[in-house]
Amino acid sequence: MLTKIIKKIKEYKKGSSIVELIIVTILFAILVPTSIGIFISASKINGQAYIQHSAATTLGETNDILRYMRNQGFDLIANGSFYLIRNPGSNSWLVKNDLPDKDTFERYITVSNALRHDSTNNIYFDGDSGPNHEDPNTKKIEIQILWAPDYLPLDLITQTIYITNWQKTITYSS
């Protein structure tokens, strides 16, 4: 019985027909470009995720630099629009007017005095209504991290933070 089965299997394995070869060729022609396309798309998505992670890290570094500057002297955080360029060993504000170079992150920062509600002295946010006043001891800082990688258009992430002159605004009761 077993020899009959082996004999039939050998008969079927004599060779491939032209129809089988055409089917395999067509499947190969469809599957290879598709798999290459999927691989390229996955590589781009991975690259984008890495860039966005790096931009978020740069945003965190920018927050740390601003807090460091506040602790060195609240007057170092002047009102205006700046590109924060961090030179090795120092933190300095430099005004730069051109767009970011490719594959670099730029920290664009707009600093202004925060607004506070007259009645409650709470922070006055965009869209609030009612009388308000400027608080020179609280800075509203809008941060934009800009980048222009090779295969993407110019992109950015933004964040708004408030920094207080804690040495003047916090009082301790005795």
N, C-alpha and C. Protein backbone atom coordinates (compact mmCIF):
# COMPACT_ATOMS: atom_id res chain seq x y z
N MET A 1 0.80 -1.18 0.00
CA MET A 1 0.00 0.00 0.00
C MET A 1 0.86 1.26 0.00
N LEU A 2 1.86 1.28 0.85
CA LEU A 2 2.75 2.43 0.94
C LEU A 2 3.52 2.62 -0.36
N THR A 3 3.93 1.57 -0.99
CA THR A 3 4.68 1.69 -2.25
C THR A 3 3.80 2.27 -3.35
N LYS A 4 2.51 1.98 -3.35
CA LYS A 4 1.61 2.56 -4.35
C LYS A 4 1.49 4.07 -4.16
N ILE A 5 1.43 4.53 -2.91
CA ILE A 5 1.32 5.97 -2.63
C ILE A 5 2.59 6.68 -3.06
N ILE A 6 3.75 6.10 -2.75
CA ILE A 6 5.03 6.70 -3.13
C ILE A 6 5.15 6.76 -4.65
N LYS A 7 4.69 5.74 -5.34
CA LYS A 7 4.75 5.71 -6.79
C LYS A 7 3.89 6.82 -7.40
N LYS A 8 2.68 7.06 -6.82
CA LYS A 8 1.80 8.12 -7.33
C LYS A 8 2.41 9.50 -7.08
N ILE A 9 3.03 9.68 -5.91
CA ILE A 9 3.68 10.97 -5.62
C ILE A 9 4.79 11.23 -6.61
N LYS A 10 5.58 10.24 -6.94
CA LYS A 10 6.67 10.41 -7.92
C LYS A 10 6.13 10.76 -9.29
N GLU A 11 4.97 10.23 -9.65
CA GLU A 11 4.37 10.56 -10.94
C GLU A 11 4.00 12.05 -11.00
N TYR A 12 3.47 12.60 -9.91
CA TYR A 12 3.09 14.01 -9.88
C TYR A 12 4.29 14.94 -9.84
N LYS A 13 5.44 14.48 -9.41
CA LYS A 13 6.62 15.33 -9.28
C LYS A 13 7.53 15.27 -10.50
N LYS A 14 7.04 14.86 -11.61
CA LYS A 14 7.89 14.76 -12.79
C LYS A 14 8.32 16.13 -13.31
N GLY A 15 7.48 17.17 -13.20
CA GLY A 15 7.83 18.48 -13.71
C GLY A 15 6.69 19.45 -13.54
N SER A 16 6.97 20.72 -13.81
CA SER A 16 5.95 21.76 -13.70
C SER A 16 5.39 22.05 -15.07
N SER A 17 4.12 22.34 -15.07
CA SER A 17 3.50 22.70 -16.34
C SER A 17 3.71 24.18 -16.60
N ILE A 18 3.52 24.60 -17.81
CA ILE A 18 3.67 26.01 -18.18
C ILE A 18 2.66 26.88 -17.44
N VAL A 19 1.48 26.35 -17.17
CA VAL A 19 0.44 27.10 -16.43
C VAL A 19 0.91 27.38 -15.01
N GLU A 20 1.53 26.39 -14.36
CA GLU A 20 2.04 26.59 -13.01
C GLU A 20 3.15 27.65 -13.00
N LEU A 21 4.01 27.62 -13.98
CA LEU A 21 5.09 28.62 -14.06
C LEU A 21 4.53 30.03 -14.28
N ILE A 22 3.51 30.16 -15.11
CA ILE A 22 2.91 31.47 -15.36
C ILE A 22 2.25 31.99 -14.08
N ILE A 23 1.53 31.12 -13.36
CA ILE A 23 0.87 31.53 -12.11
C ILE A 23 1.90 31.99 -11.08
N VAL A 24 2.99 31.25 -10.93
CA VAL A 24 4.04 31.63 -9.98
C VAL A 24 4.67 32.96 -10.38
N THR A 25 4.92 33.15 -11.67
CA THR A 25 5.51 34.40 -12.15
C THR A 25 4.59 35.58 -11.88
N ILE A 26 3.30 35.41 -12.13
CA ILE A 26 2.34 36.49 -11.87
C ILE A 26 2.28 36.82 -10.38
N LEU A 27 2.21 35.80 -9.54
CA LEU A 27 2.20 36.04 -8.09
C LEU A 27 3.47 36.75 -7.63
N PHE A 28 4.58 36.33 -8.15
CA PHE A 28 5.87 36.97 -7.81
C PHE A 28 5.86 38.43 -8.26
N ALA A 29 5.36 38.69 -9.45
CA ALA A 29 5.32 40.06 -9.98
C ALA A 29 4.39 40.96 -9.17
N ILE A 30 3.38 40.39 -8.54
CA ILE A 30 2.46 41.19 -7.72
C ILE A 30 2.99 41.37 -6.30
N LEU A 31 3.49 40.31 -5.71
CA LEU A 31 3.88 40.35 -4.30
C LEU A 31 5.18 41.10 -4.03
N VAL A 32 6.16 41.01 -4.90
CA VAL A 32 7.45 41.66 -4.64
C VAL A 32 7.32 43.19 -4.61
N PRO A 33 6.72 43.84 -5.62
CA PRO A 33 6.58 45.30 -5.53
C PRO A 33 5.73 45.75 -4.34
N THR A 34 4.70 44.97 -4.02
CA THR A 34 3.86 45.31 -2.88
C THR A 34 4.65 45.26 -1.58
N SER A 35 5.43 44.21 -1.40
CA SER A 35 6.21 44.10 -0.17
C SER A 35 7.30 45.18 -0.10
N ILE A 36 7.87 45.55 -1.23
CA ILE A 36 8.86 46.64 -1.23
C ILE A 36 8.19 47.96 -0.85
N GLY A 37 6.98 48.20 -1.38
CA GLY A 37 6.24 49.41 -1.04
C GLY A 37 5.90 49.47 0.44
N ILE A 38 5.51 48.36 1.00
CA ILE A 38 5.20 48.31 2.44
C ILE A 38 6.46 48.59 3.25
N PHE A 39 7.58 48.03 2.85
CA PHE A 39 8.84 48.26 3.56
C PHE A 39 9.23 49.74 3.51
N ILE A 40 9.09 50.37 2.35
CA ILE A 40 9.44 51.80 2.22
C ILE A 40 8.53 52.66 3.09
N SER A 41 7.22 52.35 3.07
CA SER A 41 6.28 53.11 3.90
C SER A 41 6.61 52.95 5.39
N ALA A 42 6.91 51.75 5.80
CA ALA A 42 7.26 51.52 7.21
C ALA A 42 8.53 52.27 7.59
N SER A 43 9.49 52.34 6.68
CA SER A 43 10.72 53.08 6.96
C SER A 43 10.45 54.56 7.13
N LYS A 44 9.57 55.12 6.28
CA LYS A 44 9.23 56.55 6.40
C LYS A 44 8.49 56.83 7.70
N ILE A 45 7.56 55.96 8.07
CA ILE A 45 6.80 56.15 9.31
C ILE A 45 7.75 56.07 10.50
N ASN A 46 8.67 55.14 10.48
CA ASN A 46 9.66 55.02 11.56
C ASN A 46 10.52 56.28 11.63
N GLY A 47 10.92 56.81 10.48
CA GLY A 47 11.71 58.04 10.45
C GLY A 47 10.93 59.22 11.00
N GLN A 48 9.65 59.32 10.64
CA GLN A 48 8.81 60.41 11.14
C GLN A 48 8.65 60.32 12.65
N ALA A 49 8.45 59.12 13.17
CA ALA A 49 8.30 58.94 14.61
C ALA A 49 9.58 59.35 15.34
N TYR A 50 10.72 59.01 14.77
CA TYR A 50 12.00 59.39 15.38
C TYR A 50 12.15 60.92 15.41
N ILE A 51 11.79 61.57 14.31
CA ILE A 51 11.91 63.03 14.23
C ILE A 51 10.96 63.68 15.23
N GLN A 52 9.72 63.19 15.32
CA GLN A 52 8.76 63.76 16.26
C GLN A 52 9.21 63.55 17.70
N HIS A 53 9.80 62.40 17.99
CA HIS A 53 10.34 62.15 19.33
C HIS A 53 11.48 63.13 19.62
N SER A 54 12.35 63.35 18.65
CA SER A 54 13.47 64.28 18.83
C SER A 54 12.95 65.70 19.03
N ALA A 55 11.90 66.08 18.31
CA ALA A 55 11.32 67.42 18.47
C ALA A 55 10.72 67.57 19.88
N ALA A 56 10.05 66.53 20.37
CA ALA A 56 9.49 66.59 21.72
C ALA A 56 10.60 66.69 22.76
N THR A 57 11.71 66.00 22.54
CA THR A 57 12.86 66.10 23.43
C THR A 57 13.43 67.51 23.41
N THR A 58 13.51 68.11 22.22
CA THR A 58 13.99 69.48 22.08
C THR A 58 13.06 70.45 22.81
N LEU A 59 11.76 70.20 22.76
CA LEU A 59 10.80 71.03 23.48
C LEU A 59 11.05 70.94 24.98
N GLY A 60 11.28 69.75 25.49
CA GLY A 60 11.60 69.59 26.91
C GLY A 60 12.89 70.30 27.29
N GLU A 61 13.91 70.21 26.43
CA GLU A 61 15.17 70.92 26.69
C GLU A 61 14.94 72.42 26.72
N THR A 62 14.10 72.91 25.83
CA THR A 62 13.80 74.35 25.77
C THR A 62 13.14 74.80 27.07
N ASN A 63 12.19 74.01 27.57
CA ASN A 63 11.56 74.33 28.86
C ASN A 63 12.61 74.40 29.97
N ASP A 64 13.53 73.44 29.97
CA ASP A 64 14.59 73.43 30.99
C ASP A 64 15.49 74.65 30.87
N ILE A 65 15.82 75.05 29.65
CA ILE A 65 16.66 76.23 29.44
C ILE A 65 15.96 77.48 29.96
N LEU A 66 14.66 77.60 29.67
CA LEU A 66 13.92 78.77 30.14
C LEU A 66 13.85 78.82 31.66
N ARG A 67 13.64 77.68 32.29
CA ARG A 67 13.64 77.65 33.76
C ARG A 67 15.02 77.99 34.32
N TYR A 68 16.06 77.49 33.67
CA TYR A 68 17.42 77.81 34.10
C TYR A 68 17.66 79.32 34.00
N MET A 69 17.23 79.90 32.88
CA MET A 69 17.41 81.34 32.71
C MET A 69 16.63 82.12 33.76
N ARG A 70 15.40 81.66 34.06
CA ARG A 70 14.60 82.31 35.09
C ARG A 70 15.32 82.26 36.43
N ASN A 71 15.91 81.13 36.76
CA ASN A 71 16.60 80.99 38.03
C ASN A 71 17.88 81.82 38.08
N GLN A 72 18.52 82.06 36.93
CA GLN A 72 19.71 82.91 36.88
C GLN A 72 19.35 84.38 37.03
N GLY A 73 18.19 84.73 36.57
CA GLY A 73 17.73 86.11 36.67
C GLY A 73 16.50 86.28 35.78
N PHE A 74 15.40 86.65 36.40
CA PHE A 74 14.14 86.76 35.65
C PHE A 74 14.25 87.76 34.50
N ASP A 75 15.13 88.73 34.63
CA ASP A 75 15.31 89.74 33.57
C ASP A 75 15.93 89.16 32.30
N LEU A 76 16.53 87.97 32.37
CA LEU A 76 17.08 87.34 31.18
C LEU A 76 15.98 86.94 30.19
N ILE A 77 14.75 86.80 30.68
CA ILE A 77 13.63 86.43 29.82
C ILE A 77 12.92 87.72 29.43
N ALA A 78 13.37 88.30 28.33
CA ALA A 78 12.83 89.59 27.86
C ALA A 78 11.67 89.36 26.91
N ASN A 79 10.75 90.32 26.87
CA ASN A 79 9.63 90.24 25.94
C ASN A 79 10.12 90.38 24.51
N GLY A 80 9.49 89.65 23.59
CA GLY A 80 9.84 89.71 22.18
C GLY A 80 9.78 88.33 21.55
N SER A 81 10.18 88.27 20.29
CA SER A 81 10.22 87.01 19.55
C SER A 81 11.67 86.67 19.25
N PHE A 82 12.05 85.43 19.54
CA PHE A 82 13.44 85.02 19.43
C PHE A 82 13.55 83.60 18.89
N TYR A 83 14.69 83.31 18.29
CA TYR A 83 15.12 81.93 18.09
C TYR A 83 16.10 81.67 19.19
N LEU A 84 15.83 80.69 20.02
CA LEU A 84 16.75 80.35 21.10
C LEU A 84 17.83 79.45 20.53
N ILE A 85 19.02 79.96 20.47
CA ILE A 85 20.16 79.19 19.98
C ILE A 85 21.03 78.88 21.19
N ARG A 86 21.23 77.62 21.48
CA ARG A 86 22.02 77.23 22.64
C ARG A 86 23.42 76.90 22.19
N ASN A 87 24.36 77.76 22.54
CA ASN A 87 25.77 77.51 22.25
C ASN A 87 26.33 76.60 23.33
N PRO A 88 27.31 75.77 22.98
CA PRO A 88 27.90 74.89 24.01
C PRO A 88 28.43 75.70 25.19
N GLY A 89 28.01 75.31 26.37
CA GLY A 89 28.51 75.97 27.57
C GLY A 89 27.74 77.21 27.98
N SER A 90 26.77 77.67 27.16
CA SER A 90 26.01 78.86 27.54
C SER A 90 24.62 78.79 26.94
N ASN A 91 23.73 79.58 27.50
CA ASN A 91 22.37 79.71 26.97
C ASN A 91 22.17 81.17 26.62
N SER A 92 21.89 81.45 25.35
CA SER A 92 21.77 82.85 24.95
C SER A 92 20.63 83.02 23.96
N TRP A 93 20.06 84.20 23.96
CA TRP A 93 19.03 84.55 22.99
C TRP A 93 19.70 85.18 21.78
N LEU A 94 19.41 84.67 20.61
CA LEU A 94 19.90 85.27 19.40
C LEU A 94 18.72 85.47 18.46
N VAL A 95 18.66 86.60 17.80
CA VAL A 95 17.59 86.87 16.85
C VAL A 95 18.01 86.31 15.50
N LYS A 96 17.17 85.51 14.91
CA LYS A 96 17.46 84.90 13.62
C LYS A 96 16.18 84.97 12.80
N ASN A 97 16.25 85.41 11.55
CA ASN A 97 15.05 85.64 10.76
C ASN A 97 14.79 84.59 9.69
N ASP A 98 15.74 83.71 9.41
CA ASP A 98 15.53 82.75 8.32
C ASP A 98 14.89 81.47 8.85
N LEU A 99 14.38 80.66 7.94
CA LEU A 99 13.74 79.40 8.30
C LEU A 99 14.81 78.38 8.69
N PRO A 100 14.40 77.34 9.39
CA PRO A 100 15.39 76.34 9.81
C PRO A 100 16.07 75.65 8.63
N ASP A 101 17.31 75.27 8.85
CA ASP A 101 18.02 74.47 7.86
C ASP A 101 17.47 73.05 7.91
N LYS A 102 17.76 72.28 6.88
CA LYS A 102 17.27 70.90 6.84
C LYS A 102 17.89 70.07 7.97
N ASP A 103 17.05 69.19 8.52
CA ASP A 103 17.46 68.25 9.55
C ASP A 103 17.99 68.91 10.82
N THR A 104 17.54 70.13 11.11
CA THR A 104 17.88 70.77 12.38
C THR A 104 16.59 71.24 13.03
N PHE A 105 16.64 71.41 14.33
CA PHE A 105 15.49 71.90 15.06
C PHE A 105 15.76 73.33 15.47
N GLU A 106 14.79 74.19 15.26
CA GLU A 106 14.87 75.58 15.68
C GLU A 106 13.87 75.79 16.80
N ARG A 107 14.25 76.56 17.79
CA ARG A 107 13.37 76.89 18.91
C ARG A 107 12.92 78.33 18.74
N TYR A 108 11.70 78.54 18.26
CA TYR A 108 11.17 79.89 18.07
C TYR A 108 10.31 80.21 19.28
N ILE A 109 10.63 81.31 19.95
CA ILE A 109 10.00 81.62 21.22
C ILE A 109 9.44 83.04 21.18
N THR A 110 8.19 83.19 21.63
CA THR A 110 7.58 84.51 21.77
C THR A 110 7.28 84.70 23.25
N VAL A 111 7.85 85.75 23.83
CA VAL A 111 7.70 86.04 25.26
C VAL A 111 6.89 87.32 25.42
N SER A 112 5.91 87.27 26.31
CA SER A 112 5.13 88.47 26.65
C SER A 112 4.72 88.38 28.11
N ASN A 113 4.36 89.53 28.67
CA ASN A 113 3.84 89.52 30.03
C ASN A 113 2.49 88.82 30.02
N ALA A 114 2.24 88.00 31.02
CA ALA A 114 0.96 87.30 31.12
C ALA A 114 -0.13 88.28 31.51
N LEU A 115 -1.33 88.00 31.06
CA LEU A 115 -2.49 88.78 31.46
C LEU A 115 -3.18 88.07 32.61
N ARG A 116 -3.71 88.85 33.54
CA ARG A 116 -4.47 88.29 34.67
C ARG A 116 -5.81 89.00 34.75
N HIS A 117 -6.82 88.25 35.20
CA HIS A 117 -8.15 88.83 35.43
C HIS A 117 -8.05 89.84 36.57
N ASP A 118 -8.71 90.98 36.40
CA ASP A 118 -8.69 92.01 37.45
C ASP A 118 -9.36 91.52 38.74
N SER A 119 -10.46 90.79 38.61
CA SER A 119 -11.22 90.42 39.80
C SER A 119 -10.59 89.26 40.58
N THR A 120 -10.07 88.24 39.89
CA THR A 120 -9.56 87.05 40.59
C THR A 120 -8.05 86.93 40.58
N ASN A 121 -7.40 87.68 39.72
CA ASN A 121 -5.94 87.62 39.53
C ASN A 121 -5.49 86.29 38.94
N ASN A 122 -6.44 85.49 38.40
CA ASN A 122 -6.09 84.25 37.69
C ASN A 122 -5.55 84.58 36.31
N ILE A 123 -4.83 83.63 35.71
CA ILE A 123 -4.30 83.80 34.36
C ILE A 123 -5.46 84.03 33.39
N TYR A 124 -5.29 84.98 32.52
CA TYR A 124 -6.28 85.33 31.49
C TYR A 124 -5.88 84.61 30.21
N PHE A 125 -6.66 83.60 29.80
CA PHE A 125 -6.36 82.80 28.62
C PHE A 125 -7.05 83.37 27.39
N ASP A 126 -6.57 82.98 26.20
CA ASP A 126 -7.22 83.40 24.96
C ASP A 126 -8.68 82.97 25.00
N GLY A 127 -9.57 83.87 24.65
CA GLY A 127 -11.00 83.58 24.66
C GLY A 127 -11.69 84.03 25.93
N ASP A 128 -10.91 84.36 26.98
CA ASP A 128 -11.54 84.88 28.20
C ASP A 128 -12.06 86.28 27.95
N SER A 129 -13.00 86.71 28.78
CA SER A 129 -13.52 88.07 28.64
C SER A 129 -13.47 88.75 30.00
N GLY A 130 -13.62 90.03 29.99
CA GLY A 130 -13.60 90.81 31.21
C GLY A 130 -12.34 91.63 31.34
N PRO A 131 -12.32 92.52 32.31
CA PRO A 131 -11.14 93.38 32.49
C PRO A 131 -9.92 92.57 32.92
N ASN A 132 -8.76 92.99 32.43
CA ASN A 132 -7.53 92.28 32.76
C ASN A 132 -6.38 93.28 32.88
N HIS A 133 -5.27 92.79 33.37
CA HIS A 133 -4.07 93.61 33.49
C HIS A 133 -2.84 92.75 33.22
N GLU A 134 -1.74 93.41 32.82
CA GLU A 134 -0.49 92.71 32.59
C GLU A 134 0.21 92.45 33.92
N ASP A 135 0.82 91.28 34.02
CA ASP A 135 1.60 90.93 35.20
C ASP A 135 3.06 90.80 34.78
N PRO A 136 3.91 91.78 35.10
CA PRO A 136 5.31 91.71 34.68
C PRO A 136 6.12 90.62 35.38
N ASN A 137 5.55 90.02 36.44
CA ASN A 137 6.24 88.95 37.15
C ASN A 137 5.82 87.56 36.68
N THR A 138 5.01 87.49 35.63
CA THR A 138 4.63 86.23 35.02
C THR A 138 4.77 86.37 33.52
N LYS A 139 5.54 85.50 32.91
CA LYS A 139 5.76 85.55 31.46
C LYS A 139 4.96 84.45 30.78
N LYS A 140 4.29 84.83 29.72
CA LYS A 140 3.63 83.87 28.83
C LYS A 140 4.63 83.58 27.73
N ILE A 141 5.01 82.31 27.58
CA ILE A 141 6.03 81.94 26.60
C ILE A 141 5.43 80.92 25.64
N GLU A 142 5.36 81.30 24.37
CA GLU A 142 4.87 80.41 23.33
C GLU A 142 6.09 79.86 22.60
N ILE A 143 6.20 78.54 22.60
CA ILE A 143 7.37 77.87 22.03
C ILE A 143 6.94 77.11 20.78
N GLN A 144 7.69 77.27 19.72
CA GLN A 144 7.49 76.48 18.50
C GLN A 144 8.81 75.80 18.18
N ILE A 145 8.76 74.49 18.02
CA ILE A 145 9.93 73.74 17.58
C ILE A 145 9.69 73.45 16.10
N LEU A 146 10.54 74.02 15.23
CA LEU A 146 10.40 73.87 13.79
C LEU A 146 11.49 72.96 13.24
N TRP A 147 11.14 72.18 12.23
CA TRP A 147 12.14 71.36 11.56
C TRP A 147 11.72 71.13 10.12
N ALA A 148 12.69 70.81 9.28
CA ALA A 148 12.43 70.57 7.86
C ALA A 148 13.28 69.39 7.39
N PRO A 149 12.82 68.16 7.64
CA PRO A 149 13.57 67.00 7.16
C PRO A 149 13.48 66.87 5.64
N ASP A 150 14.34 66.03 5.09
CA ASP A 150 14.43 65.90 3.63
C ASP A 150 13.13 65.49 2.97
N TYR A 151 12.41 64.56 3.55
CA TYR A 151 11.26 63.99 2.86
C TYR A 151 9.92 64.51 3.39
N LEU A 152 9.94 65.49 4.29
CA LEU A 152 8.70 66.07 4.80
C LEU A 152 8.71 67.58 4.59
N PRO A 153 7.54 68.19 4.52
CA PRO A 153 7.52 69.66 4.49
C PRO A 153 7.86 70.20 5.87
N LEU A 154 8.06 71.50 5.97
CA LEU A 154 8.34 72.15 7.24
C LEU A 154 7.26 71.77 8.24
N ASP A 155 7.66 71.35 9.42
CA ASP A 155 6.70 70.90 10.43
C ASP A 155 7.04 71.56 11.75
N LEU A 156 6.09 71.51 12.71
CA LEU A 156 6.35 72.13 14.00
C LEU A 156 5.48 71.51 15.07
N ILE A 157 5.92 71.69 16.33
CA ILE A 157 5.09 71.42 17.49
C ILE A 157 5.11 72.68 18.33
N THR A 158 4.04 72.93 19.05
CA THR A 158 3.95 74.16 19.85
C THR A 158 3.55 73.84 21.28
N GLN A 159 3.89 74.78 22.15
CA GLN A 159 3.52 74.68 23.56
C GLN A 159 3.51 76.08 24.14
N THR A 160 2.59 76.35 25.03
CA THR A 160 2.56 77.62 25.76
C THR A 160 2.78 77.32 27.23
N ILE A 161 3.75 78.01 27.82
CA ILE A 161 4.03 77.83 29.24
C ILE A 161 4.00 79.20 29.91
N TYR A 162 3.82 79.19 31.21
CA TYR A 162 3.86 80.41 32.00
C TYR A 162 4.96 80.23 33.04
N ILE A 163 5.82 81.24 33.13
CA ILE A 163 6.91 81.21 34.11
C ILE A 163 6.76 82.43 34.99
N THR A 164 6.82 82.19 36.29
CA THR A 164 6.70 83.31 37.23
C THR A 164 8.05 83.65 37.82
N ASN A 165 8.14 84.89 38.25
CA ASN A 165 9.31 85.35 38.99
C ASN A 165 9.07 84.93 40.44
N TRP A 166 9.31 83.67 40.70
CA TRP A 166 8.93 83.09 41.99
C TRP A 166 9.61 83.78 43.15
N GLN A 167 10.75 84.41 42.94
CA GLN A 167 11.44 85.09 44.03
C GLN A 167 10.68 86.34 44.47
N LYS A 168 9.87 86.93 43.57
CA LYS A 168 9.09 88.11 43.92
C LYS A 168 7.64 87.77 44.23
N THR A 169 7.10 86.74 43.60
CA THR A 169 5.67 86.48 43.74
C THR A 169 5.33 85.54 44.89
N ILE A 170 6.28 84.77 45.37
CA ILE A 170 5.99 83.88 46.50
C ILE A 170 6.50 84.53 47.78
N THR A 171 5.59 84.72 48.71
CA THR A 171 5.99 85.30 50.01
C THR A 171 5.73 84.24 51.09
N TYR A 172 6.56 84.25 52.08
CA TYR A 172 6.44 83.29 53.17
C TYR A 172 6.01 84.03 54.42
N SER A 173 5.00 83.48 55.06
CA SER A 173 4.56 84.11 56.31
C SER A 173 5.45 83.60 57.45
N SER A 174 5.69 84.49 58.40
CA SER A 174 6.58 84.10 59.51
C SER A 174 5.80 83.70 60.73
